[in-house]
N, C-alpha and C. Protein backbone atom coordinates (compact mmCIF):
# COMPACT_ATOMS: atom_id res chain seq x y z
N UNK A 1 -82.79 17.90 -28.96
CA UNK A 1 -81.95 16.67 -28.35
C UNK A 1 -80.61 16.20 -29.75
N UNK A 2 -79.60 16.36 -29.57
CA UNK A 2 -78.23 16.56 -30.26
C UNK A 2 -78.60 15.18 -31.06
N UNK A 3 -78.01 15.27 -32.00
CA UNK A 3 -77.61 14.14 -32.47
C UNK A 3 -76.03 13.48 -33.12
N UNK A 4 -75.64 12.74 -32.21
CA UNK A 4 -74.03 12.81 -32.21
C UNK A 4 -73.39 12.48 -33.83
N UNK A 5 -72.47 13.36 -33.70
CA UNK A 5 -72.03 12.99 -35.38
C UNK A 5 -70.97 11.65 -35.82
N UNK A 6 -71.71 11.61 -36.77
CA UNK A 6 -70.55 10.21 -37.09
C UNK A 6 -69.28 9.96 -36.42
N UNK A 7 -68.24 11.06 -36.94
CA UNK A 7 -67.20 11.19 -36.16
C UNK A 7 -67.25 10.85 -34.83
N UNK A 8 -67.84 10.69 -33.63
CA UNK A 8 -67.84 11.39 -32.51
C UNK A 8 -68.59 9.68 -32.51
N UNK A 9 -69.96 8.64 -33.14
CA UNK A 9 -69.09 7.53 -32.65
C UNK A 9 -68.56 6.49 -32.98
N UNK A 10 -67.93 7.31 -33.89
CA UNK A 10 -66.62 5.74 -34.55
C UNK A 10 -65.70 6.27 -33.76
N UNK A 11 -65.00 7.47 -33.34
CA UNK A 11 -63.90 7.66 -31.95
C UNK A 11 -64.72 6.29 -30.60
N UNK A 12 -65.76 7.17 -30.32
CA UNK A 12 -66.24 6.28 -28.81
C UNK A 12 -66.63 4.94 -29.57
N UNK A 13 -66.93 4.15 -30.61
CA UNK A 13 -66.75 3.46 -30.90
C UNK A 13 -64.71 2.28 -31.06
N UNK A 14 -64.24 3.14 -31.20
CA UNK A 14 -63.09 2.74 -31.02
C UNK A 14 -62.43 2.54 -29.99
N UNK A 15 -62.64 3.66 -29.04
CA UNK A 15 -61.85 3.57 -27.69
C UNK A 15 -63.23 2.34 -26.78
N UNK A 16 -63.88 2.43 -27.19
CA UNK A 16 -64.39 1.26 -26.73
C UNK A 16 -63.74 -0.23 -26.66
N UNK A 17 -63.43 -0.24 -28.10
CA UNK A 17 -62.85 -1.50 -28.28
C UNK A 17 -61.55 -1.58 -27.55
N UNK A 18 -60.68 0.02 -27.82
CA UNK A 18 -59.37 0.18 -27.81
C UNK A 18 -59.48 -0.88 -26.36
N UNK A 19 -60.60 -0.73 -25.27
CA UNK A 19 -60.41 -1.04 -23.85
C UNK A 19 -60.97 -2.39 -23.28
N UNK A 20 -61.33 -2.71 -24.25
CA UNK A 20 -61.74 -4.39 -24.58
C UNK A 20 -61.11 -5.22 -24.70
N UNK A 21 -60.21 -4.42 -25.89
CA UNK A 21 -58.39 -5.48 -26.68
C UNK A 21 -58.02 -6.29 -25.38
N UNK A 22 -57.80 -6.70 -24.86
CA UNK A 22 -56.41 -7.30 -24.49
C UNK A 22 -55.37 -7.60 -24.83
N UNK A 23 -54.77 -7.99 -26.78
CA UNK A 23 -53.82 -7.61 -26.76
C UNK A 23 -52.73 -6.75 -26.27
N UNK A 24 -51.46 -7.17 -26.01
CA UNK A 24 -50.67 -6.17 -25.75
C UNK A 24 -51.16 -5.53 -24.34
N UNK A 25 -51.39 -6.22 -23.84
CA UNK A 25 -51.52 -5.94 -21.57
C UNK A 25 -50.16 -6.26 -21.25
N UNK A 26 -50.08 -7.84 -21.58
CA UNK A 26 -48.91 -8.38 -20.70
C UNK A 26 -47.76 -7.58 -21.04
N UNK A 27 -47.03 -7.10 -22.18
CA UNK A 27 -46.14 -6.17 -23.08
C UNK A 27 -46.42 -4.93 -21.66
N UNK A 28 -48.05 -4.32 -21.75
CA UNK A 28 -47.23 -2.61 -20.94
C UNK A 28 -47.28 -3.40 -19.28
N UNK A 29 -47.73 -4.18 -18.92
CA UNK A 29 -47.75 -4.90 -17.71
C UNK A 29 -45.58 -5.34 -17.28
N UNK A 30 -45.01 -5.64 -18.55
CA UNK A 30 -44.02 -5.97 -17.74
C UNK A 30 -43.60 -4.79 -18.09
N UNK A 31 -43.47 -3.49 -18.94
CA UNK A 31 -42.81 -2.24 -18.93
C UNK A 31 -42.80 -1.41 -17.77
N UNK A 32 -43.63 -2.04 -17.35
CA UNK A 32 -43.93 -1.29 -15.40
C UNK A 32 -43.49 -2.20 -14.47
N UNK A 33 -43.06 -3.26 -14.95
CA UNK A 33 -42.19 -4.56 -13.87
C UNK A 33 -41.04 -4.25 -13.67
N UNK A 34 -40.68 -3.99 -15.22
CA UNK A 34 -39.74 -4.60 -15.73
C UNK A 34 -38.40 -3.54 -14.73
N UNK A 35 -38.03 -2.41 -14.60
CA UNK A 35 -37.29 -1.65 -14.09
C UNK A 35 -36.74 -1.87 -12.87
N UNK A 36 -38.26 -2.34 -12.33
CA UNK A 36 -37.73 -2.92 -10.66
C UNK A 36 -37.43 -4.91 -11.33
N UNK A 37 -37.34 -4.93 -11.72
CA UNK A 37 -37.58 -6.67 -11.85
C UNK A 37 -35.52 -6.98 -12.50
N UNK A 38 -35.00 -5.63 -13.13
CA UNK A 38 -33.71 -5.70 -13.26
C UNK A 38 -33.05 -4.48 -12.49
N UNK A 39 -34.00 -3.72 -11.70
CA UNK A 39 -32.76 -3.31 -10.70
C UNK A 39 -33.04 -4.58 -9.36
N UNK A 40 -33.60 -4.73 -9.23
CA UNK A 40 -33.35 -6.20 -8.39
C UNK A 40 -32.23 -6.97 -8.90
N UNK A 41 -32.02 -7.63 -9.92
CA UNK A 41 -31.31 -9.20 -10.01
C UNK A 41 -30.05 -7.68 -10.53
N UNK A 42 -29.92 -6.77 -11.30
CA UNK A 42 -28.52 -6.22 -10.89
C UNK A 42 -27.47 -5.84 -8.89
N UNK A 43 -29.12 -5.59 -8.51
CA UNK A 43 -28.34 -5.55 -7.02
C UNK A 43 -28.01 -6.37 -6.39
N UNK A 44 -28.55 -7.70 -6.95
CA UNK A 44 -28.07 -9.15 -6.25
C UNK A 44 -26.85 -9.50 -7.39
N UNK A 45 -26.47 -9.31 -8.10
CA UNK A 45 -25.36 -9.29 -9.18
C UNK A 45 -24.21 -8.35 -8.11
N UNK A 46 -24.10 -7.20 -8.22
CA UNK A 46 -23.45 -6.40 -7.19
C UNK A 46 -23.19 -6.74 -5.93
N UNK A 47 -23.98 -7.67 -5.35
CA UNK A 47 -23.61 -8.11 -3.90
C UNK A 47 -23.37 -9.48 -4.11
N UNK A 48 -23.49 -9.97 -5.09
CA UNK A 48 -22.81 -11.42 -5.00
C UNK A 48 -21.18 -11.01 -5.44
N UNK A 49 -20.91 -10.23 -6.08
CA UNK A 49 -19.56 -10.03 -6.56
C UNK A 49 -18.52 -9.36 -5.50
N UNK A 50 -19.69 -8.13 -4.97
CA UNK A 50 -18.68 -7.99 -3.86
C UNK A 50 -18.00 -8.87 -2.86
N UNK A 51 -19.33 -9.81 -2.34
CA UNK A 51 -18.98 -10.85 -1.35
C UNK A 51 -17.78 -11.99 -2.19
N UNK A 52 -17.99 -11.74 -3.28
CA UNK A 52 -16.78 -13.22 -3.60
C UNK A 52 -16.06 -12.68 -4.33
N UNK A 53 -15.60 -11.00 -4.09
CA UNK A 53 -14.04 -10.73 -4.26
C UNK A 53 -13.48 -9.87 -2.96
N UNK A 54 -14.31 -10.44 -1.41
CA UNK A 54 -14.15 -10.35 -0.59
C UNK A 54 -13.89 -11.96 0.22
N UNK A 55 -13.92 -12.59 -0.58
CA UNK A 55 -13.82 -14.12 0.34
C UNK A 55 -12.67 -14.01 -0.35
N UNK A 56 -12.21 -13.71 -1.65
CA UNK A 56 -10.99 -13.86 -1.83
C UNK A 56 -10.09 -13.37 -1.42
N UNK A 57 -10.02 -11.74 -1.31
CA UNK A 57 -9.46 -11.32 -0.37
C UNK A 57 -8.59 -12.16 1.05
N UNK A 58 -10.57 -12.18 1.84
CA UNK A 58 -10.39 -13.23 3.12
C UNK A 58 -9.10 -14.82 3.03
N UNK A 59 -9.06 -15.23 1.43
CA UNK A 59 -8.27 -16.33 1.52
C UNK A 59 -6.61 -16.07 1.28
N UNK A 60 -7.11 -15.31 0.46
CA UNK A 60 -4.95 -14.77 -0.05
C UNK A 60 -4.88 -14.04 1.49
N UNK A 61 -5.79 -13.56 2.23
CA UNK A 61 -4.84 -13.13 3.22
C UNK A 61 -4.21 -13.85 4.54
N UNK A 62 -4.97 -15.18 4.23
CA UNK A 62 -4.89 -16.18 5.15
C UNK A 62 -3.80 -16.94 5.36
N UNK A 63 -3.72 -16.98 3.66
CA UNK A 63 -2.87 -17.80 2.94
C UNK A 63 -1.31 -17.27 2.71
N UNK A 64 -1.41 -15.67 3.08
CA UNK A 64 -0.20 -15.32 2.78
C UNK A 64 0.28 -15.24 4.47
N UNK A 65 -0.40 -14.79 5.36
CA UNK A 65 0.10 -14.86 6.49
C UNK A 65 0.00 -16.14 6.85
N UNK A 66 0.12 -16.85 6.86
CA UNK A 66 0.62 -18.50 6.68
C UNK A 66 2.11 -18.34 6.82
N UNK A 67 2.89 -17.88 5.94
CA UNK A 67 3.80 -17.35 5.44
C UNK A 67 4.79 -17.31 6.69
N UNK A 68 4.12 -16.05 7.65
CA UNK A 68 4.97 -15.33 8.32
C UNK A 68 4.48 -16.50 9.85
N UNK A 69 3.50 -17.47 9.79
CA UNK A 69 2.82 -18.28 11.04
C UNK A 69 3.68 -19.13 10.69
N UNK A 70 4.29 -19.62 10.30
CA UNK A 70 5.79 -21.27 9.92
C UNK A 70 6.32 -20.32 9.61
N UNK A 71 6.66 -19.52 9.71
CA UNK A 71 8.62 -18.77 9.56
C UNK A 71 8.72 -18.75 8.28
N UNK A 72 8.64 -19.01 7.09
CA UNK A 72 8.86 -19.09 5.93
C UNK A 72 9.63 -17.79 5.25
N UNK A 73 8.05 -16.76 5.87
CA UNK A 73 8.47 -15.30 5.27
C UNK A 73 10.02 -15.00 5.88
N UNK A 74 9.81 -14.81 7.07
CA UNK A 74 11.66 -14.44 7.73
C UNK A 74 12.49 -15.80 7.10
N UNK A 75 12.26 -16.95 7.14
CA UNK A 75 13.63 -17.96 7.01
C UNK A 75 14.42 -17.36 5.26
N UNK A 76 13.33 -17.05 4.58
CA UNK A 76 13.10 -16.74 3.48
C UNK A 76 13.57 -15.54 3.22
N UNK A 77 13.96 -14.75 4.38
CA UNK A 77 14.34 -12.82 4.49
C UNK A 77 13.42 -12.43 3.51
N UNK A 78 12.02 -13.05 3.29
CA UNK A 78 11.11 -11.92 2.35
C UNK A 78 11.00 -10.33 3.04
N UNK A 79 11.19 -9.51 0.99
CA UNK A 79 11.01 -7.76 2.35
C UNK A 79 8.96 -7.87 1.84
N UNK A 80 8.44 -6.45 2.39
CA UNK A 80 7.19 -6.60 1.93
C UNK A 80 6.47 -6.28 1.10
N UNK A 81 7.26 -6.05 0.07
CA UNK A 81 6.99 -5.99 -1.15
C UNK A 81 6.87 -7.22 -1.76
N UNK A 82 7.63 -8.28 -1.53
CA UNK A 82 7.80 -9.73 -2.14
C UNK A 82 6.58 -10.93 -0.74
N UNK A 83 6.37 -10.29 -0.39
CA UNK A 83 4.73 -10.77 0.75
C UNK A 83 3.47 -10.12 -0.32
N UNK A 84 3.74 -8.32 -0.49
CA UNK A 84 2.48 -7.84 -1.23
C UNK A 84 2.35 -9.19 -2.08
N UNK A 85 3.74 -9.23 -2.84
CA UNK A 85 3.36 -9.65 -3.94
C UNK A 85 3.16 -11.29 -4.29
N UNK A 86 3.26 -12.13 -3.39
CA UNK A 86 2.56 -13.00 -2.83
C UNK A 86 0.48 -13.29 -2.84
N UNK A 87 0.21 -11.92 -1.93
CA UNK A 87 -0.68 -11.96 -1.49
C UNK A 87 -2.03 -11.51 -2.81
N UNK A 88 -0.73 -10.87 -4.45
CA UNK A 88 -1.35 -10.04 -5.29
C UNK A 88 -1.32 -11.39 -6.02
N UNK A 89 -0.57 -12.06 -6.31
CA UNK A 89 -0.75 -13.51 -7.21
C UNK A 89 -2.18 -14.46 -6.44
N UNK A 90 -2.28 -14.50 -5.63
CA UNK A 90 -3.10 -15.75 -4.90
C UNK A 90 -4.27 -14.53 -5.46
N UNK A 91 -4.60 -12.62 -5.11
CA UNK A 91 -5.89 -12.77 -5.69
C UNK A 91 -5.37 -12.50 -6.84
N UNK A 92 -5.25 -12.09 -8.08
CA UNK A 92 -5.61 -11.43 -8.75
C UNK A 92 -6.34 -12.49 -9.71
N UNK A 93 -6.94 -13.48 -9.83
CA UNK A 93 -8.49 -14.12 -10.34
C UNK A 93 -9.29 -12.54 -10.07
N UNK A 94 -9.70 -12.12 -9.22
CA UNK A 94 -10.58 -10.79 -9.56
C UNK A 94 -10.00 -9.70 -8.89
N UNK A 95 -8.82 -9.06 -8.38
CA UNK A 95 -8.71 -7.94 -7.73
C UNK A 95 -7.44 -7.47 -7.91
N UNK A 96 -7.25 -6.60 -8.85
CA UNK A 96 -6.06 -5.58 -9.98
C UNK A 96 -4.83 -5.32 -8.43
N UNK A 97 -3.86 -5.71 -8.76
CA UNK A 97 -2.75 -6.27 -7.88
C UNK A 97 -2.52 -4.82 -7.57
N UNK A 98 -2.76 -3.66 -8.33
CA UNK A 98 -2.25 -2.29 -8.32
C UNK A 98 -2.76 -2.35 -6.74
N UNK A 99 -4.10 -2.08 -7.01
CA UNK A 99 -5.05 -1.93 -5.71
C UNK A 99 -4.74 -2.56 -4.25
N UNK A 100 -3.75 -3.32 -4.40
CA UNK A 100 -3.75 -4.38 -2.87
C UNK A 100 -3.29 -3.55 -1.96
N UNK A 101 -3.61 -3.38 -0.94
CA UNK A 101 -2.89 -2.60 0.37
C UNK A 101 -2.84 -3.42 1.54
N UNK A 102 -1.08 -4.04 1.59
CA UNK A 102 -1.17 -5.35 2.73
C UNK A 102 -0.38 -4.59 4.05
N UNK A 103 -0.79 -5.10 4.87
CA UNK A 103 -0.34 -4.06 6.17
C UNK A 103 0.32 -5.12 7.13
N UNK A 104 1.32 -4.58 7.61
CA UNK A 104 1.78 -6.32 8.72
C UNK A 104 2.15 -5.67 9.80
N UNK A 105 2.57 -6.20 10.79
CA UNK A 105 2.53 -5.67 12.42
C UNK A 105 2.88 -6.25 13.49
N UNK A 106 3.90 -6.33 14.73
CA UNK A 106 4.28 -6.99 14.95
C UNK A 106 3.93 -6.41 16.45
N UNK A 107 3.97 -7.12 17.66
CA UNK A 107 3.98 -6.79 18.99
C UNK A 107 4.00 -7.94 19.29
N UNK A 108 4.76 -7.35 21.16
CA UNK A 108 4.75 -8.79 21.80
C UNK A 108 3.97 -8.77 22.04
N UNK A 109 4.04 -10.29 22.65
CA UNK A 109 3.25 -10.63 23.00
C UNK A 109 2.78 -10.40 25.19
N UNK A 110 1.13 -10.32 25.11
CA UNK A 110 1.19 -10.21 26.40
C UNK A 110 0.85 -8.38 27.13
N UNK A 111 1.16 -7.84 25.31
CA UNK A 111 2.17 -6.25 25.98
C UNK A 111 0.30 -5.27 25.11
N UNK A 112 -0.43 -4.79 25.34
CA UNK A 112 -2.05 -4.00 24.68
C UNK A 112 -1.68 -3.49 24.03
N UNK A 113 -1.89 -3.34 22.65
CA UNK A 113 -1.12 -2.45 21.59
C UNK A 113 -3.01 -2.10 20.70
N UNK A 114 -2.80 -1.15 19.96
CA UNK A 114 -3.89 -0.20 18.87
C UNK A 114 -2.83 -0.55 17.84
N UNK A 115 -4.16 -1.47 16.91
CA UNK A 115 -4.16 -1.05 15.04
C UNK A 115 -4.14 1.08 14.82
N UNK A 116 -3.66 1.34 14.45
CA UNK A 116 -3.65 2.25 13.89
C UNK A 116 -4.72 2.47 12.93
N UNK A 117 -5.40 3.80 12.72
CA UNK A 117 -6.36 4.22 11.44
C UNK A 117 -5.62 4.12 10.12
N UNK A 118 -6.35 3.60 9.25
CA UNK A 118 -5.63 3.28 7.68
C UNK A 118 -5.93 4.59 6.41
N UNK A 119 -7.15 4.85 6.62
CA UNK A 119 -8.03 5.88 6.16
C UNK A 119 -8.38 6.60 6.55
N UNK A 120 -8.24 7.68 6.47
CA UNK A 120 -8.73 9.23 6.49
C UNK A 120 -10.09 9.31 6.37
N UNK A 121 -11.04 10.28 6.79
CA UNK A 121 -12.60 10.25 6.36
C UNK A 121 -13.19 10.29 5.63
N UNK A 122 -12.48 10.55 4.57
CA UNK A 122 -12.82 10.18 3.12
C UNK A 122 -12.57 9.21 2.29
N UNK A 123 -11.91 7.62 2.94
CA UNK A 123 -11.57 6.80 2.73
C UNK A 123 -10.11 7.02 1.48
N UNK A 124 -9.23 8.02 2.11
CA UNK A 124 -8.13 7.51 1.36
C UNK A 124 -7.01 7.21 1.92
N UNK A 125 -6.21 6.49 1.63
CA UNK A 125 -5.49 5.92 2.65
C UNK A 125 -4.25 7.05 3.16
N UNK A 126 -3.81 6.42 4.31
CA UNK A 126 -2.83 7.82 4.95
C UNK A 126 -1.52 6.15 5.03
N UNK A 127 -0.62 6.48 3.82
CA UNK A 127 0.00 5.54 3.51
C UNK A 127 1.65 5.48 4.41
N UNK A 128 1.53 6.65 5.20
CA UNK A 128 2.21 6.41 6.33
C UNK A 128 2.31 5.22 7.37
N UNK A 129 0.94 5.14 7.76
CA UNK A 129 0.42 4.38 9.02
C UNK A 129 0.75 2.65 7.94
N UNK A 130 0.95 2.14 6.99
CA UNK A 130 0.78 0.87 6.53
C UNK A 130 2.47 0.66 6.27
N UNK A 131 2.87 -0.85 6.97
CA UNK A 131 4.06 -0.65 7.39
C UNK A 131 4.36 -2.77 7.09
N UNK A 132 5.43 -3.24 7.57
CA UNK A 132 6.01 -4.42 7.15
C UNK A 132 6.68 -4.36 8.18
N UNK A 133 6.16 -5.09 9.62
CA UNK A 133 6.80 -5.93 10.62
C UNK A 133 6.80 -7.00 10.41
N UNK A 134 8.11 -7.70 10.22
CA UNK A 134 7.57 -9.49 10.62
C UNK A 134 7.54 -9.85 11.49
N UNK A 135 7.32 -10.92 12.67
CA UNK A 135 7.98 -10.54 13.61
C UNK A 135 9.50 -11.43 14.13
N UNK A 136 9.66 -11.29 14.65
CA UNK A 136 11.03 -11.42 15.48
C UNK A 136 11.13 -12.86 15.74
N UNK A 137 12.02 -13.83 14.41
CA UNK A 137 11.70 -15.23 14.48
C UNK A 137 12.62 -15.90 16.44
N UNK A 138 13.01 -14.90 17.38
CA UNK A 138 13.84 -15.22 18.20
C UNK A 138 12.33 -15.16 19.61
N UNK A 139 11.39 -14.29 19.60
CA UNK A 139 10.46 -13.69 20.25
C UNK A 139 9.22 -14.51 19.85
N UNK A 140 8.30 -14.52 20.83
CA UNK A 140 6.73 -14.46 20.12
C UNK A 140 5.77 -13.37 20.22
N UNK A 141 5.54 -13.43 19.36
CA UNK A 141 5.04 -12.06 19.21
C UNK A 141 3.31 -12.58 18.40
N UNK A 142 2.54 -10.95 18.98
CA UNK A 142 1.92 -11.27 17.95
C UNK A 142 1.47 -10.51 16.58
N UNK A 143 0.92 -10.70 15.61
CA UNK A 143 1.07 -10.44 14.06
C UNK A 143 -0.52 -10.24 13.71
N UNK A 144 -0.42 -9.35 13.39
CA UNK A 144 -1.71 -8.20 12.42
C UNK A 144 -1.61 -8.58 11.04
N UNK A 145 -1.91 -9.22 10.34
CA UNK A 145 -1.99 -8.59 8.59
C UNK A 145 -3.03 -8.01 8.67
N UNK A 146 -3.02 -6.82 7.77
CA UNK A 146 -4.57 -6.63 6.87
C UNK A 146 -4.36 -6.22 5.01
N UNK A 147 -5.31 -6.33 4.77
CA UNK A 147 -5.35 -6.38 3.58
C UNK A 147 -6.58 -5.61 3.41
N UNK A 148 -6.73 -4.60 2.05
CA UNK A 148 -7.53 -3.62 1.89
C UNK A 148 -7.19 -3.73 0.72
N UNK A 149 -8.85 -3.18 -0.15
CA UNK A 149 -8.89 -2.86 -1.68
C UNK A 149 -10.21 -2.57 -1.88
N UNK A 150 -9.59 -1.78 -2.73
CA UNK A 150 -11.30 -0.57 -3.19
C UNK A 150 -12.06 -0.91 -4.17
N UNK A 151 -12.10 -1.88 -3.50
CA UNK A 151 -13.28 -2.28 -5.17
C UNK A 151 -14.52 -1.47 -5.85
N UNK A 152 -14.23 -1.32 -7.14
CA UNK A 152 -15.59 -0.55 -7.53
C UNK A 152 -16.50 -0.89 -7.57
N UNK A 153 -17.73 -0.30 -7.71
CA UNK A 153 -19.18 -0.39 -7.44
C UNK A 153 -19.72 -0.18 -9.33
N UNK A 154 -20.35 -0.91 -9.41
CA UNK A 154 -21.02 -0.80 -11.00
C UNK A 154 -22.08 -0.41 -10.64
N UNK A 155 -23.42 -0.55 -10.28
CA UNK A 155 -24.73 -0.15 -10.05
C UNK A 155 -25.09 0.35 -8.74
N UNK A 156 -24.29 1.63 -9.14
CA UNK A 156 -24.69 2.32 -7.03
C UNK A 156 -25.41 3.74 -7.44
N UNK A 157 -26.77 3.83 -8.69
CA UNK A 157 -27.53 4.73 -8.95
C UNK A 157 -28.77 4.47 -8.24
N UNK A 158 -29.33 2.97 -8.52
CA UNK A 158 -30.72 2.14 -8.83
C UNK A 158 -31.45 2.30 -7.54
N UNK A 159 -31.48 2.67 -6.31
CA UNK A 159 -31.33 3.21 -5.31
C UNK A 159 -30.93 2.11 -4.32
N UNK A 160 -29.47 1.26 -4.51
CA UNK A 160 -29.51 0.39 -3.90
C UNK A 160 -27.86 0.28 -3.60
N UNK A 161 -27.99 0.79 -2.21
CA UNK A 161 -25.73 1.24 -2.31
C UNK A 161 -25.01 0.18 -1.69
N UNK A 162 -24.06 0.00 -2.06
CA UNK A 162 -22.72 -0.65 -1.33
C UNK A 162 -21.91 -0.36 -0.70
N UNK A 163 -22.39 1.46 -1.16
CA UNK A 163 -21.01 2.06 -0.85
C UNK A 163 -20.23 2.44 0.64
N UNK A 164 -18.69 2.31 0.87
CA UNK A 164 -18.82 2.60 2.06
C UNK A 164 -17.10 3.74 1.79
N UNK A 165 -16.88 4.08 1.19
CA UNK A 165 -15.92 5.09 0.92
C UNK A 165 -16.05 5.76 -1.05
N UNK A 166 -15.42 7.46 -0.42
CA UNK A 166 -15.41 7.62 -2.36
C UNK A 166 -17.58 7.74 -2.28
N UNK A 167 -17.16 8.25 -3.41
CA UNK A 167 -18.62 7.81 -4.45
C UNK A 167 -18.86 6.63 -5.53
N UNK A 168 -18.25 5.49 -5.49
CA UNK A 168 -18.45 4.48 -5.80
C UNK A 168 -18.17 3.40 -5.55
N UNK A 169 -17.31 3.50 -4.91
CA UNK A 169 -16.11 2.08 -3.88
C UNK A 169 -16.52 1.61 -3.04
N UNK A 170 -16.44 0.59 -2.50
CA UNK A 170 -17.03 -0.52 -2.03
C UNK A 170 -15.06 -0.93 -0.78
N UNK A 171 -14.70 -0.32 0.47
CA UNK A 171 -13.19 -1.52 0.93
C UNK A 171 -13.87 -2.38 1.56
N UNK A 172 -12.89 -3.32 0.87
CA UNK A 172 -12.53 -4.92 0.91
C UNK A 172 -11.67 -4.86 1.86
N UNK A 173 -11.77 -5.14 3.68
CA UNK A 173 -10.65 -5.49 4.02
C UNK A 173 -10.75 -7.11 5.02
N UNK A 174 -9.71 -7.21 5.32
CA UNK A 174 -9.12 -8.61 5.51
C UNK A 174 -8.37 -8.27 6.36
N UNK A 175 -8.45 -9.46 8.13
CA UNK A 175 -7.40 -9.08 8.89
C UNK A 175 -7.28 -10.50 9.08
N UNK A 176 -6.36 -11.34 9.70
CA UNK A 176 -5.54 -12.36 10.39
C UNK A 176 -4.86 -11.87 11.50
N UNK A 177 -4.69 -12.41 12.60
CA UNK A 177 -3.95 -12.35 13.89
C UNK A 177 -3.93 -13.28 14.73
N UNK A 178 -2.60 -13.70 14.84
CA UNK A 178 -2.45 -14.84 15.65
C UNK A 178 -0.93 -14.71 16.38
N UNK A 179 -0.78 -15.40 16.93
CA UNK A 179 0.65 -15.06 17.60
C UNK A 179 2.14 -16.20 17.17
N UNK A 180 3.12 -15.87 17.14
CA UNK A 180 3.90 -16.72 16.74
C UNK A 180 4.81 -17.34 17.45
N UNK A 181 5.25 -18.13 17.64
CA UNK A 181 5.67 -18.89 18.48
C UNK A 181 7.35 -18.45 17.77
N UNK A 182 8.45 -18.81 18.95
CA UNK A 182 9.66 -18.40 18.62
C UNK A 182 10.32 -19.87 17.74
N UNK A 183 11.26 -19.42 16.40
CA UNK A 183 11.69 -20.19 15.85
C UNK A 183 12.52 -21.59 16.32
N UNK A 184 12.11 -23.17 15.63
CA UNK A 184 13.10 -23.98 16.82
C UNK A 184 14.31 -23.82 16.23
N UNK A 185 14.86 -23.45 14.80
CA UNK A 185 15.88 -22.85 14.10
C UNK A 185 17.04 -22.44 15.22
N UNK A 186 16.43 -21.68 16.46
CA UNK A 186 16.68 -19.82 16.77
C UNK A 186 17.28 -20.71 17.97
N UNK A 187 16.99 -21.50 18.75
CA UNK A 187 16.51 -22.65 19.85
C UNK A 187 18.07 -22.91 19.93
């Protein structure tokens, strides 16, 4: 029978005491859970920011479209850039104006129409497809106002992704469609 060495006994006692000691176990457990917890928090923040930005774009687009609906844009002879600037002023709280894309199209009432695609397969805008066609104040038209914004995503590599264009962006869109009646001043 071999007698354990004193060094081996000390090591064995130290390991036994280490295993029985509960000090610091909360820190170890937190270190295991923290990455998942913070990833969840970051995902919640990202979704909230995207939702809030999209709501701002929706509200701004509706308010800007109201200029066309009430004939204010036509009566003041606003250009497409002036209408876009109006939209930019409404969404500038959270969105950069240089990234806002506006498309306004007017179609004859009662006629079928197709709104063309505005982005290619890679999420790049087809600039020739964006127009500003205000409705004719003397006729009844269907007006489609669309606004787009490429929202940059921050937390895209945590296993949770809202990307729908490019490598780190989400395309926010807003559409307002309405029928404009002939202006009462033109009758």
